[in-house]
């Protein structure tokens, strides 16, 4: 699998998870109509499916995905809730991105 496709899958999965969770949040916490929760549930199901398209094993994919989730969550908060990440958020996200790259994309010896 190409690096670009793998990263794209992580991004799409993250948007499904965060978007789905946000829609459920709006329904439950903000009193939005039940359709918000239903749409959120669909996105959360898609989030569960999309990572299966990665070629690595479950543990590695989900460990690496955690780094992408952190970055996307900060960007979501900035774009949707207008809460700009501070320098510690940026440094922490960069560390997570490096960890994600090491976990997911470093060459491993053949067994």
PDB file of N, CA and C in Angstrom:
ATOM      1  N   UNK A   1       0.851  -1.180   0.000  1.00  0.00           N
ATOM      2  CA  UNK A   1       0.000   0.000   0.000  1.00  0.00           C
ATOM      3  C   UNK A   1       0.893   1.239   0.000  1.00  0.00           C
ATOM      4  N   UNK A   2       0.520   2.230  -0.774  1.00  0.00           N
ATOM      5  CA  UNK A   2       1.325   3.449  -0.843  1.00  0.00           C
ATOM      6  C   UNK A   2       1.172   4.254   0.450  1.00  0.00           C
ATOM      7  N   UNK A   3       2.179   5.040   0.720  1.00  0.00           N
ATOM      8  CA  UNK A   3       2.170   5.914   1.883  1.00  0.00           C
ATOM      9  C   UNK A   3       0.981   6.879   1.809  1.00  0.00           C
ATOM     10  N   UNK A   4       0.750   7.463   0.637  1.00  0.00           N
ATOM     11  CA  UNK A   4      -0.338   8.438   0.470  1.00  0.00           C
ATOM     12  C   UNK A   4      -1.701   7.800   0.744  1.00  0.00           C
ATOM     13  N   UNK A   5      -1.916   6.592   0.246  1.00  0.00           N
ATOM     14  CA  UNK A   5      -3.195   5.913   0.495  1.00  0.00           C
ATOM     15  C   UNK A   5      -3.348   5.594   1.972  1.00  0.00           C
ATOM     16  N   UNK A   6      -2.291   5.125   2.608  1.00  0.00           N
ATOM     17  CA  UNK A   6      -2.344   4.797   4.030  1.00  0.00           C
ATOM     18  C   UNK A   6      -2.685   6.032   4.860  1.00  0.00           C
ATOM     19  N   UNK A   7      -2.012   7.144   4.609  1.00  0.00           N
ATOM     20  CA  UNK A   7      -2.292   8.386   5.336  1.00  0.00           C
ATOM     21  C   UNK A   7      -3.721   8.842   5.069  1.00  0.00           C
ATOM     22  N   UNK A   8      -4.166   8.724   3.816  1.00  0.00           N
ATOM     23  CA  UNK A   8      -5.540   9.109   3.470  1.00  0.00           C
ATOM     24  C   UNK A   8      -6.558   8.288   4.249  1.00  0.00           C
ATOM     25  N   UNK A   9      -6.299   6.985   4.379  1.00  0.00           N
ATOM     26  CA  UNK A   9      -7.203   6.133   5.151  1.00  0.00           C
ATOM     27  C   UNK A   9      -7.237   6.556   6.620  1.00  0.00           C
ATOM     28  N   UNK A  10      -6.073   6.904   7.175  1.00  0.00           N
ATOM     29  CA  UNK A  10      -6.043   7.378   8.559  1.00  0.00           C
ATOM     30  C   UNK A  10      -6.851   8.667   8.702  1.00  0.00           C
ATOM     31  N   UNK A  11      -6.717   9.568   7.748  1.00  0.00           N
ATOM     32  CA  UNK A  11      -7.442  10.841   7.818  1.00  0.00           C
ATOM     33  C   UNK A  11      -8.947  10.620   7.706  1.00  0.00           C
ATOM     34  N   UNK A  12      -9.365   9.809   6.741  1.00  0.00           N
ATOM     35  CA  UNK A  12     -10.797   9.550   6.563  1.00  0.00           C
ATOM     36  C   UNK A  12     -11.369   8.851   7.795  1.00  0.00           C
ATOM     37  N   UNK A  13     -10.639   7.866   8.334  1.00  0.00           N
ATOM     38  CA  UNK A  13     -11.096   7.187   9.543  1.00  0.00           C
ATOM     39  C   UNK A  13     -11.231   8.184  10.694  1.00  0.00           C
ATOM     40  N   UNK A  14     -10.243   9.064  10.834  1.00  0.00           N
ATOM     41  CA  UNK A  14     -10.287  10.055  11.902  1.00  0.00           C
ATOM     42  C   UNK A  14     -11.450  11.012  11.770  1.00  0.00           C
ATOM     43  N   UNK A  15     -11.707  11.455  10.552  1.00  0.00           N
ATOM     44  CA  UNK A  15     -12.839  12.361  10.339  1.00  0.00           C
ATOM     45  C   UNK A  15     -14.161  11.666  10.630  1.00  0.00           C
ATOM     46  N   UNK A  16     -14.251  10.385  10.288  1.00  0.00           N
ATOM     47  CA  UNK A  16     -15.464   9.625  10.617  1.00  0.00           C
ATOM     48  C   UNK A  16     -15.631   9.490  12.127  1.00  0.00           C
ATOM     49  N   UNK A  17     -14.540   9.183  12.821  1.00  0.00           N
ATOM     50  CA  UNK A  17     -14.649   9.007  14.271  1.00  0.00           C
ATOM     51  C   UNK A  17     -14.974  10.330  14.966  1.00  0.00           C
ATOM     52  N   UNK A  18     -14.233  11.362  14.638  1.00  0.00           N
ATOM     53  CA  UNK A  18     -14.452  12.644  15.307  1.00  0.00           C
ATOM     54  C   UNK A  18     -15.798  13.235  14.897  1.00  0.00           C
ATOM     55  N   UNK A  19     -16.109  13.187  13.607  1.00  0.00           N
ATOM     56  CA  UNK A  19     -17.393  13.705  13.136  1.00  0.00           C
ATOM     57  C   UNK A  19     -18.560  12.937  13.721  1.00  0.00           C
ATOM     58  N   UNK A  20     -18.437  11.616  13.768  1.00  0.00           N
ATOM     59  CA  UNK A  20     -19.501  10.795  14.347  1.00  0.00           C
ATOM     60  C   UNK A  20     -19.681  11.082  15.824  1.00  0.00           C
ATOM     61  N   UNK A  21     -18.585  11.151  16.542  1.00  0.00           N
ATOM     62  CA  UNK A  21     -18.659  11.468  17.961  1.00  0.00           C
ATOM     63  C   UNK A  21     -19.234  12.857  18.203  1.00  0.00           C
ATOM     64  N   UNK A  22     -18.871  13.793  17.347  1.00  0.00           N
ATOM     65  CA  UNK A  22     -19.375  15.158  17.483  1.00  0.00           C
ATOM     66  C   UNK A  22     -20.885  15.220  17.255  1.00  0.00           C
ATOM     67  N   UNK A  23     -21.367  14.485  16.253  1.00  0.00           N
ATOM     68  CA  UNK A  23     -22.812  14.470  15.998  1.00  0.00           C
ATOM     69  C   UNK A  23     -23.580  13.845  17.159  1.00  0.00           C
ATOM     70  N   UNK A  24     -23.039  12.779  17.741  1.00  0.00           N
ATOM     71  CA  UNK A  24     -23.671  12.177  18.918  1.00  0.00           C
ATOM     72  C   UNK A  24     -23.628  13.170  20.089  1.00  0.00           C
ATOM     73  N   UNK A  25     -22.516  13.854  20.242  1.00  0.00           N
ATOM     74  CA  UNK A  25     -22.373  14.880  21.290  1.00  0.00           C
ATOM     75  C   UNK A  25     -23.452  15.953  21.134  1.00  0.00           C
ATOM     76  N   UNK A  26     -23.615  16.434  19.892  1.00  0.00           N
ATOM     77  CA  UNK A  26     -24.623  17.476  19.645  1.00  0.00           C
ATOM     78  C   UNK A  26     -26.024  16.981  19.987  1.00  0.00           C
ATOM     79  N   UNK A  27     -26.324  15.751  19.639  1.00  0.00           N
ATOM     80  CA  UNK A  27     -27.638  15.185  19.954  1.00  0.00           C
ATOM     81  C   UNK A  27     -27.828  15.068  21.465  1.00  0.00           C
ATOM     82  N   UNK A  28     -26.842  14.471  22.130  1.00  0.00           N
ATOM     83  CA  UNK A  28     -26.983  14.165  23.550  1.00  0.00           C
ATOM     84  C   UNK A  28     -26.824  15.392  24.440  1.00  0.00           C
ATOM     85  N   UNK A  29     -25.836  16.204  24.157  1.00  0.00           N
ATOM     86  CA  UNK A  29     -25.514  17.331  25.034  1.00  0.00           C
ATOM     87  C   UNK A  29     -26.197  18.632  24.648  1.00  0.00           C
ATOM     88  N   UNK A  30     -26.496  18.801  23.358  1.00  0.00           N
ATOM     89  CA  UNK A  30     -27.030  20.080  22.886  1.00  0.00           C
ATOM     90  C   UNK A  30     -28.493  19.986  22.459  1.00  0.00           C
ATOM     91  N   UNK A  31     -29.090  18.792  22.598  1.00  0.00           N
ATOM     92  CA  UNK A  31     -30.501  18.637  22.300  1.00  0.00           C
ATOM     93  C   UNK A  31     -30.869  18.668  20.824  1.00  0.00           C
ATOM     94  N   UNK A  32     -29.915  18.339  19.958  1.00  0.00           N
ATOM     95  CA  UNK A  32     -30.210  18.292  18.524  1.00  0.00           C
ATOM     96  C   UNK A  32     -31.117  17.091  18.235  1.00  0.00           C
ATOM     97  N   UNK A  33     -31.794  17.091  17.081  1.00  0.00           N
ATOM     98  CA  UNK A  33     -32.699  15.988  16.738  1.00  0.00           C
ATOM     99  C   UNK A  33     -31.989  14.628  16.670  1.00  0.00           C
ATOM    100  N   UNK A  34     -32.765  13.576  16.819  1.00  0.00           N
ATOM    101  CA  UNK A  34     -32.249  12.208  16.812  1.00  0.00           C
ATOM    102  C   UNK A  34     -31.471  11.892  15.534  1.00  0.00           C
ATOM    103  N   UNK A  35     -31.794  12.557  14.435  1.00  0.00           N
ATOM    104  CA  UNK A  35     -31.069  12.332  13.183  1.00  0.00           C
ATOM    105  C   UNK A  35     -29.572  12.598  13.308  1.00  0.00           C
ATOM    106  N   UNK A  36     -29.195  13.502  14.188  1.00  0.00           N
ATOM    107  CA  UNK A  36     -27.776  13.757  14.437  1.00  0.00           C
ATOM    108  C   UNK A  36     -27.105  12.499  14.997  1.00  0.00           C
ATOM    109  N   UNK A  37     -27.767  11.870  15.959  1.00  0.00           N
ATOM    110  CA  UNK A  37     -27.222  10.654  16.552  1.00  0.00           C
ATOM    111  C   UNK A  37     -27.152   9.533  15.521  1.00  0.00           C
ATOM    112  N   UNK A  38     -28.179   9.417  14.688  1.00  0.00           N
ATOM    113  CA  UNK A  38     -28.186   8.366  13.660  1.00  0.00           C
ATOM    114  C   UNK A  38     -27.055   8.582  12.663  1.00  0.00           C
ATOM    115  N   UNK A  39     -26.890   9.811  12.216  1.00  0.00           N
ATOM    116  CA  UNK A  39     -25.787  10.102  11.281  1.00  0.00           C
ATOM    117  C   UNK A  39     -24.439   9.852  11.958  1.00  0.00           C
ATOM    118  N   UNK A  40     -24.338  10.227  13.223  1.00  0.00           N
ATOM    119  CA  UNK A  40     -23.107   9.972  13.974  1.00  0.00           C
ATOM    120  C   UNK A  40     -22.815   8.492  14.081  1.00  0.00           C
ATOM    121  N   UNK A  41     -23.850   7.695  14.314  1.00  0.00           N
ATOM    122  CA  UNK A  41     -23.669   6.243  14.423  1.00  0.00           C
ATOM    123  C   UNK A  41     -23.163   5.657  13.107  1.00  0.00           C
ATOM    124  N   UNK A  42     -23.695   6.137  11.995  1.00  0.00           N
ATOM    125  CA  UNK A  42     -23.235   5.660  10.689  1.00  0.00           C
ATOM    126  C   UNK A  42     -21.758   5.990  10.500  1.00  0.00           C
ATOM    127  N   UNK A  43     -21.368   7.221  10.839  1.00  0.00           N
ATOM    128  CA  UNK A  43     -19.956   7.603  10.708  1.00  0.00           C
ATOM    129  C   UNK A  43     -19.068   6.764  11.623  1.00  0.00           C
ATOM    130  N   UNK A  44     -19.543   6.467  12.820  1.00  0.00           N
ATOM    131  CA  UNK A  44     -18.746   5.651  13.738  1.00  0.00           C
ATOM    132  C   UNK A  44     -18.600   4.216  13.233  1.00  0.00           C
ATOM    133  N   UNK A  45     -19.620   3.696  12.580  1.00  0.00           N
ATOM    134  CA  UNK A  45     -19.503   2.368  11.968  1.00  0.00           C
ATOM    135  C   UNK A  45     -18.472   2.413  10.841  1.00  0.00           C
ATOM    136  N   UNK A  46     -18.529   3.456  10.014  1.00  0.00           N
ATOM    137  CA  UNK A  46     -17.533   3.597   8.945  1.00  0.00           C
ATOM    138  C   UNK A  46     -16.123   3.695   9.521  1.00  0.00           C
ATOM    139  N   UNK A  47     -15.996   4.423  10.640  1.00  0.00           N
ATOM    140  CA  UNK A  47     -14.698   4.503  11.312  1.00  0.00           C
ATOM    141  C   UNK A  47     -14.192   3.104  11.685  1.00  0.00           C
ATOM    142  N   UNK A  48     -15.072   2.238  12.082  1.00  0.00           N
ATOM    143  CA  UNK A  48     -14.672   0.875  12.433  1.00  0.00           C
ATOM    144  C   UNK A  48     -14.253   0.046  11.235  1.00  0.00           C
ATOM    145  N   UNK A  49     -14.765   0.379  10.064  1.00  0.00           N
ATOM    146  CA  UNK A  49     -14.471  -0.387   8.848  1.00  0.00           C
ATOM    147  C   UNK A  49     -13.218   0.116   8.139  1.00  0.00           C
ATOM    148  N   UNK A  50     -13.062   1.421   8.034  1.00  0.00           N
ATOM    149  CA  UNK A  50     -11.987   2.000   7.219  1.00  0.00           C
ATOM    150  C   UNK A  50     -10.589   1.522   7.623  1.00  0.00           C
ATOM    151  N   UNK A  51     -10.252   1.446   8.901  1.00  0.00           N
ATOM    152  CA  UNK A  51      -8.900   0.977   9.243  1.00  0.00           C
ATOM    153  C   UNK A  51      -8.601  -0.458   8.789  1.00  0.00           C
ATOM    154  N   UNK A  52      -9.636  -1.262   8.548  1.00  0.00           N
ATOM    155  CA  UNK A  52      -9.386  -2.630   8.090  1.00  0.00           C
ATOM    156  C   UNK A  52      -8.775  -2.647   6.690  1.00  0.00           C
ATOM    157  N   UNK A  53      -8.817  -1.521   5.992  1.00  0.00           N
ATOM    158  CA  UNK A  53      -8.226  -1.437   4.658  1.00  0.00           C
ATOM    159  C   UNK A  53      -6.709  -1.237   4.700  1.00  0.00           C
ATOM    160  N   UNK A  54      -6.175  -0.932   5.868  1.00  0.00           N
ATOM    161  CA  UNK A  54      -4.718  -0.842   6.027  1.00  0.00           C
ATOM    162  C   UNK A  54      -4.129  -2.248   5.937  1.00  0.00           C
ATOM    163  N   UNK A  55      -2.885  -2.351   5.503  1.00  0.00           N
ATOM    164  CA  UNK A  55      -2.281  -3.678   5.328  1.00  0.00           C
ATOM    165  C   UNK A  55      -1.576  -4.201   6.578  1.00  0.00           C
ATOM    166  N   UNK A  56      -1.286  -3.346   7.534  1.00  0.00           N
ATOM    167  CA  UNK A  56      -0.616  -3.790   8.759  1.00  0.00           C
ATOM    168  C   UNK A  56      -1.621  -4.493   9.680  1.00  0.00           C
ATOM    169  N   UNK A  57      -1.106  -5.107  10.750  1.00  0.00           N
ATOM    170  CA  UNK A  57      -1.991  -5.813  11.677  1.00  0.00           C
ATOM    171  C   UNK A  57      -2.722  -4.821  12.587  1.00  0.00           C
ATOM    172  N   UNK A  58      -3.779  -5.318  13.216  1.00  0.00           N
ATOM    173  CA  UNK A  58      -4.700  -4.493  14.012  1.00  0.00           C
ATOM    174  C   UNK A  58      -3.974  -3.617  15.034  1.00  0.00           C
ATOM    175  N   UNK A  59      -3.134  -4.218  15.848  1.00  0.00           N
ATOM    176  CA  UNK A  59      -2.478  -3.464  16.912  1.00  0.00           C
ATOM    177  C   UNK A  59      -1.642  -2.318  16.382  1.00  0.00           C
ATOM    178  N   UNK A  60      -0.901  -2.559  15.325  1.00  0.00           N
ATOM    179  CA  UNK A  60      -0.049  -1.517  14.750  1.00  0.00           C
ATOM    180  C   UNK A  60      -0.905  -0.402  14.149  1.00  0.00           C
ATOM    181  N   UNK A  61      -1.949  -0.775  13.416  1.00  0.00           N
ATOM    182  CA  UNK A  61      -2.810   0.231  12.789  1.00  0.00           C
ATOM    183  C   UNK A  61      -3.456   1.113  13.848  1.00  0.00           C
ATOM    184  N   UNK A  62      -4.001   0.516  14.883  1.00  0.00           N
ATOM    185  CA  UNK A  62      -4.690   1.318  15.891  1.00  0.00           C
ATOM    186  C   UNK A  62      -3.723   2.108  16.760  1.00  0.00           C
ATOM    187  N   UNK A  63      -2.534   1.594  16.998  1.00  0.00           N
ATOM    188  CA  UNK A  63      -1.531   2.375  17.736  1.00  0.00           C
ATOM    189  C   UNK A  63      -1.121   3.597  16.922  1.00  0.00           C
ATOM    190  N   UNK A  64      -0.865   3.392  15.644  1.00  0.00           N
ATOM    191  CA  UNK A  64      -0.475   4.512  14.785  1.00  0.00           C
ATOM    192  C   UNK A  64      -1.632   5.488  14.611  1.00  0.00           C
ATOM    193  N   UNK A  65      -2.840   4.965  14.505  1.00  0.00           N
ATOM    194  CA  UNK A  65      -4.006   5.820  14.326  1.00  0.00           C
ATOM    195  C   UNK A  65      -4.158   6.808  15.483  1.00  0.00           C
ATOM    196  N   UNK A  66      -3.740   6.403  16.665  1.00  0.00           N
ATOM    197  CA  UNK A  66      -3.842   7.290  17.820  1.00  0.00           C
ATOM    198  C   UNK A  66      -3.153   8.627  17.582  1.00  0.00           C
ATOM    199  N   UNK A  67      -2.003   8.609  16.916  1.00  0.00           N
ATOM    200  CA  UNK A  67      -1.304   9.857  16.600  1.00  0.00           C
ATOM    201  C   UNK A  67      -2.109  10.724  15.657  1.00  0.00           C
ATOM    202  N   UNK A  68      -2.702  10.102  14.650  1.00  0.00           N
ATOM    203  CA  UNK A  68      -3.522  10.859  13.701  1.00  0.00           C
ATOM    204  C   UNK A  68      -4.756  11.424  14.400  1.00  0.00           C
ATOM    205  N   UNK A  69      -5.355  10.647  15.295  1.00  0.00           N
ATOM    206  CA  UNK A  69      -6.535  11.109  16.028  1.00  0.00           C
ATOM    207  C   UNK A  69      -6.215  12.369  16.832  1.00  0.00           C
ATOM    208  N   UNK A  70      -5.067  12.393  17.472  1.00  0.00           N
ATOM    209  CA  UNK A  70      -4.674  13.557  18.267  1.00  0.00           C
ATOM    210  C   UNK A  70      -4.573  14.797  17.386  1.00  0.00           C
ATOM    211  N   UNK A  71      -3.904  14.676  16.259  1.00  0.00           N
ATOM    212  CA  UNK A  71      -3.741  15.808  15.353  1.00  0.00           C
ATOM    213  C   UNK A  71      -5.092  16.274  14.816  1.00  0.00           C
ATOM    214  N   UNK A  72      -5.906  15.339  14.343  1.00  0.00           N
ATOM    215  CA  UNK A  72      -7.209  15.705  13.798  1.00  0.00           C
ATOM    216  C   UNK A  72      -8.126  16.310  14.870  1.00  0.00           C
ATOM    217  N   UNK A  73      -8.036  15.813  16.092  1.00  0.00           N
ATOM    218  CA  UNK A  73      -8.857  16.373  17.175  1.00  0.00           C
ATOM    219  C   UNK A  73      -8.494  17.827  17.441  1.00  0.00           C
ATOM    220  N   UNK A  74      -7.208  18.124  17.457  1.00  0.00           N
ATOM    221  CA  UNK A  74      -6.791  19.514  17.666  1.00  0.00           C
ATOM    222  C   UNK A  74      -7.247  20.399  16.507  1.00  0.00           C
ATOM    223  N   UNK A  75      -7.121  19.896  15.287  1.00  0.00           N
ATOM    224  CA  UNK A  75      -7.572  20.670  14.119  1.00  0.00           C
ATOM    225  C   UNK A  75      -9.087  20.851  14.130  1.00  0.00           C
ATOM    226  N   UNK A  76      -9.816  19.811  14.535  1.00  0.00           N
ATOM    227  CA  UNK A  76     -11.283  19.906  14.637  1.00  0.00           C
ATOM    228  C   UNK A  76     -11.660  20.982  15.659  1.00  0.00           C
ATOM    229  N   UNK A  77     -11.024  20.937  16.816  1.00  0.00           N
ATOM    230  CA  UNK A  77     -11.302  21.930  17.846  1.00  0.00           C
ATOM    231  C   UNK A  77     -11.018  23.348  17.366  1.00  0.00           C
ATOM    232  N   UNK A  78      -9.980  23.497  16.578  1.00  0.00           N
ATOM    233  CA  UNK A  78      -9.623  24.806  16.045  1.00  0.00           C
ATOM    234  C   UNK A  78     -10.636  25.249  15.000  1.00  0.00           C
ATOM    235  N   UNK A  79     -10.958  24.355  14.076  1.00  0.00           N
ATOM    236  CA  UNK A  79     -11.853  24.710  12.981  1.00  0.00           C
ATOM    237  C   UNK A  79     -13.317  24.802  13.369  1.00  0.00           C
ATOM    238  N   UNK A  80     -13.772  23.911  14.239  1.00  0.00           N
ATOM    239  CA  UNK A  80     -15.201  23.847  14.577  1.00  0.00           C
ATOM    240  C   UNK A  80     -15.520  24.638  15.843  1.00  0.00           C
ATOM    241  N   UNK A  81     -14.684  24.513  16.852  1.00  0.00           N
ATOM    242  CA  UNK A  81     -14.961  25.179  18.132  1.00  0.00           C
ATOM    243  C   UNK A  81     -14.150  26.463  18.326  1.00  0.00           C
ATOM    244  N   UNK A  82     -13.321  26.817  17.344  1.00  0.00           N
ATOM    245  CA  UNK A  82     -12.498  28.040  17.396  1.00  0.00           C
ATOM    246  C   UNK A  82     -11.556  28.078  18.594  1.00  0.00           C
ATOM    247  N   UNK A  83     -11.047  26.907  18.978  1.00  0.00           N
ATOM    248  CA  UNK A  83     -10.063  26.828  20.050  1.00  0.00           C
ATOM    249  C   UNK A  83      -8.711  26.515  19.399  1.00  0.00           C
ATOM    250  N   UNK A  84      -7.903  27.550  19.276  1.00  0.00           N
ATOM    251  CA  UNK A  84      -6.623  27.409  18.591  1.00  0.00           C
ATOM    252  C   UNK A  84      -5.640  26.624  19.450  1.00  0.00           C
ATOM    253  N   UNK A  85      -4.961  25.635  18.849  1.00  0.00           N
ATOM    254  CA  UNK A  85      -3.943  24.888  19.609  1.00  0.00           C
ATOM    255  C   UNK A  85      -2.830  25.827  20.073  1.00  0.00           C
ATOM    256  N   UNK A  86      -2.370  25.631  21.306  1.00  0.00           N
ATOM    257  CA  UNK A  86      -1.237  26.433  21.778  1.00  0.00           C
ATOM    258  C   UNK A  86       0.065  25.706  21.442  1.00  0.00           C
ATOM    259  N   UNK A  87       1.170  26.281  21.828  1.00  0.00           N
ATOM    260  CA  UNK A  87       2.471  25.707  21.435  1.00  0.00           C
ATOM    261  C   UNK A  87       2.681  24.317  22.023  1.00  0.00           C
ATOM    262  N   UNK A  88       2.129  24.055  23.200  1.00  0.00           N
ATOM    263  CA  UNK A  88       2.280  22.730  23.795  1.00  0.00           C
ATOM    264  C   UNK A  88       1.444  21.691  23.041  1.00  0.00           C
ATOM    265  N   UNK A  89       0.270  22.107  22.563  1.00  0.00           N
ATOM    266  CA  UNK A  89      -0.530  21.228  21.713  1.00  0.00           C
ATOM    267  C   UNK A  89       0.245  20.878  20.444  1.00  0.00           C
ATOM    268  N   UNK A  90       0.869  21.877  19.846  1.00  0.00           N
ATOM    269  CA  UNK A  90       1.612  21.669  18.595  1.00  0.00           C
ATOM    270  C   UNK A  90       2.813  20.757  18.833  1.00  0.00           C
ATOM    271  N   UNK A  91       3.555  21.003  19.902  1.00  0.00           N
ATOM    272  CA  UNK A  91       4.711  20.152  20.216  1.00  0.00           C
ATOM    273  C   UNK A  91       4.260  18.723  20.507  1.00  0.00           C
ATOM    274  N   UNK A  92       3.226  18.576  21.307  1.00  0.00           N
ATOM    275  CA  UNK A  92       2.708  17.237  21.617  1.00  0.00           C
ATOM    276  C   UNK A  92       2.227  16.515  20.380  1.00  0.00           C
ATOM    277  N   UNK A  93       1.521  17.234  19.499  1.00  0.00           N
ATOM    278  CA  UNK A  93       1.034  16.625  18.256  1.00  0.00           C
ATOM    279  C   UNK A  93       2.190  16.209  17.359  1.00  0.00           C
ATOM    280  N   UNK A  94       3.236  17.023  17.303  1.00  0.00           N
ATOM    281  CA  UNK A  94       4.413  16.670  16.493  1.00  0.00           C
ATOM    282  C   UNK A  94       5.082  15.404  17.025  1.00  0.00           C
ATOM    283  N   UNK A  95       5.184  15.304  18.332  1.00  0.00           N
ATOM    284  CA  UNK A  95       5.755  14.093  18.941  1.00  0.00           C
ATOM    285  C   UNK A  95       4.905  12.881  18.577  1.00  0.00           C
ATOM    286  N   UNK A  96       3.592  13.038  18.645  1.00  0.00           N
ATOM    287  CA  UNK A  96       2.688  11.932  18.299  1.00  0.00           C
ATOM    288  C   UNK A  96       2.814  11.553  16.829  1.00  0.00           C
ATOM    289  N   UNK A  97       2.966  12.541  15.963  1.00  0.00           N
ATOM    290  CA  UNK A  97       3.117  12.272  14.538  1.00  0.00           C
ATOM    291  C   UNK A  97       4.406  11.507  14.257  1.00  0.00           C
ATOM    292  N   UNK A  98       5.465  11.869  14.953  1.00  0.00           N
ATOM    293  CA  UNK A  98       6.729  11.135  14.807  1.00  0.00           C
ATOM    294  C   UNK A  98       6.544   9.702  15.299  1.00  0.00           C
ATOM    295  N   UNK A  99       5.882   9.534  16.429  1.00  0.00           N
ATOM    296  CA  UNK A  99       5.620   8.192  16.942  1.00  0.00           C
ATOM    297  C   UNK A  99       4.785   7.374  15.977  1.00  0.00           C
ATOM    298  N   UNK A 100       3.782   7.999  15.390  1.00  0.00           N
ATOM    299  CA  UNK A 100       2.942   7.314  14.415  1.00  0.00           C
ATOM    300  C   UNK A 100       3.778   6.822  13.241  1.00  0.00           C
ATOM    301  N   UNK A 101       4.654   7.701  12.730  1.00  0.00           N
ATOM    302  CA  UNK A 101       5.487   7.327  11.589  1.00  0.00           C
ATOM    303  C   UNK A 101       6.424   6.174  11.931  1.00  0.00           C
ATOM    304  N   UNK A 102       6.983   6.202  13.131  1.00  0.00           N
ATOM    305  CA  UNK A 102       7.876   5.114  13.545  1.00  0.00           C
ATOM    306  C   UNK A 102       7.103   3.804  13.632  1.00  0.00           C
ATOM    307  N   UNK A 103       5.947   3.826  14.271  1.00  0.00           N
ATOM    308  CA  UNK A 103       5.148   2.608  14.447  1.00  0.00           C
ATOM    309  C   UNK A 103       4.686   2.046  13.111  1.00  0.00           C
ATOM    310  N   UNK A 104       4.215   2.893  12.243  1.00  0.00           N
ATOM    311  CA  UNK A 104       3.533   2.416  11.042  1.00  0.00           C
ATOM    312  C   UNK A 104       4.445   2.240   9.836  1.00  0.00           C
ATOM    313  N   UNK A 105       5.435   3.089   9.680  1.00  0.00           N
ATOM    314  CA  UNK A 105       6.124   3.142   8.396  1.00  0.00           C
ATOM    315  C   UNK A 105       7.614   2.798   8.420  1.00  0.00           C
ATOM    316  N   UNK A 106       8.204   2.543   9.569  1.00  0.00           N
ATOM    317  CA  UNK A 106       9.611   2.167   9.583  1.00  0.00           C
ATOM    318  C   UNK A 106       9.789   0.763   9.025  1.00  0.00           C
ATOM    319  N   UNK A 107      10.821   0.576   8.201  1.00  0.00           N
ATOM    320  CA  UNK A 107      11.040  -0.771   7.637  1.00  0.00           C
ATOM    321  C   UNK A 107      11.369  -1.763   8.748  1.00  0.00           C
ATOM    322  N   UNK A 108      10.868  -2.957   8.560  1.00  0.00           N
ATOM    323  CA  UNK A 108      11.113  -4.016   9.530  1.00  0.00           C
ATOM    324  C   UNK A 108      11.798  -5.181   8.819  1.00  0.00           C
ATOM    325  N   UNK A 109      12.662  -5.872   9.546  1.00  0.00           N
ATOM    326  CA  UNK A 109      13.339  -7.014   8.919  1.00  0.00           C
ATOM    327  C   UNK A 109      12.324  -8.118   8.587  1.00  0.00           C
ATOM    328  N   UNK A 110      12.561  -8.790   7.514  1.00  0.00           N
ATOM    329  CA  UNK A 110      11.707  -9.933   7.147  1.00  0.00           C
ATOM    330  C   UNK A 110      11.975 -11.082   8.094  1.00  0.00           C
ATOM    331  N   UNK A 111      10.940 -11.805   8.392  1.00  0.00           N
ATOM    332  CA  UNK A 111      11.105 -12.956   9.305  1.00  0.00           C
ATOM    333  C   UNK A 111      11.259 -14.215   8.503  1.00  0.00           C
TER     334      UNK A 111
END
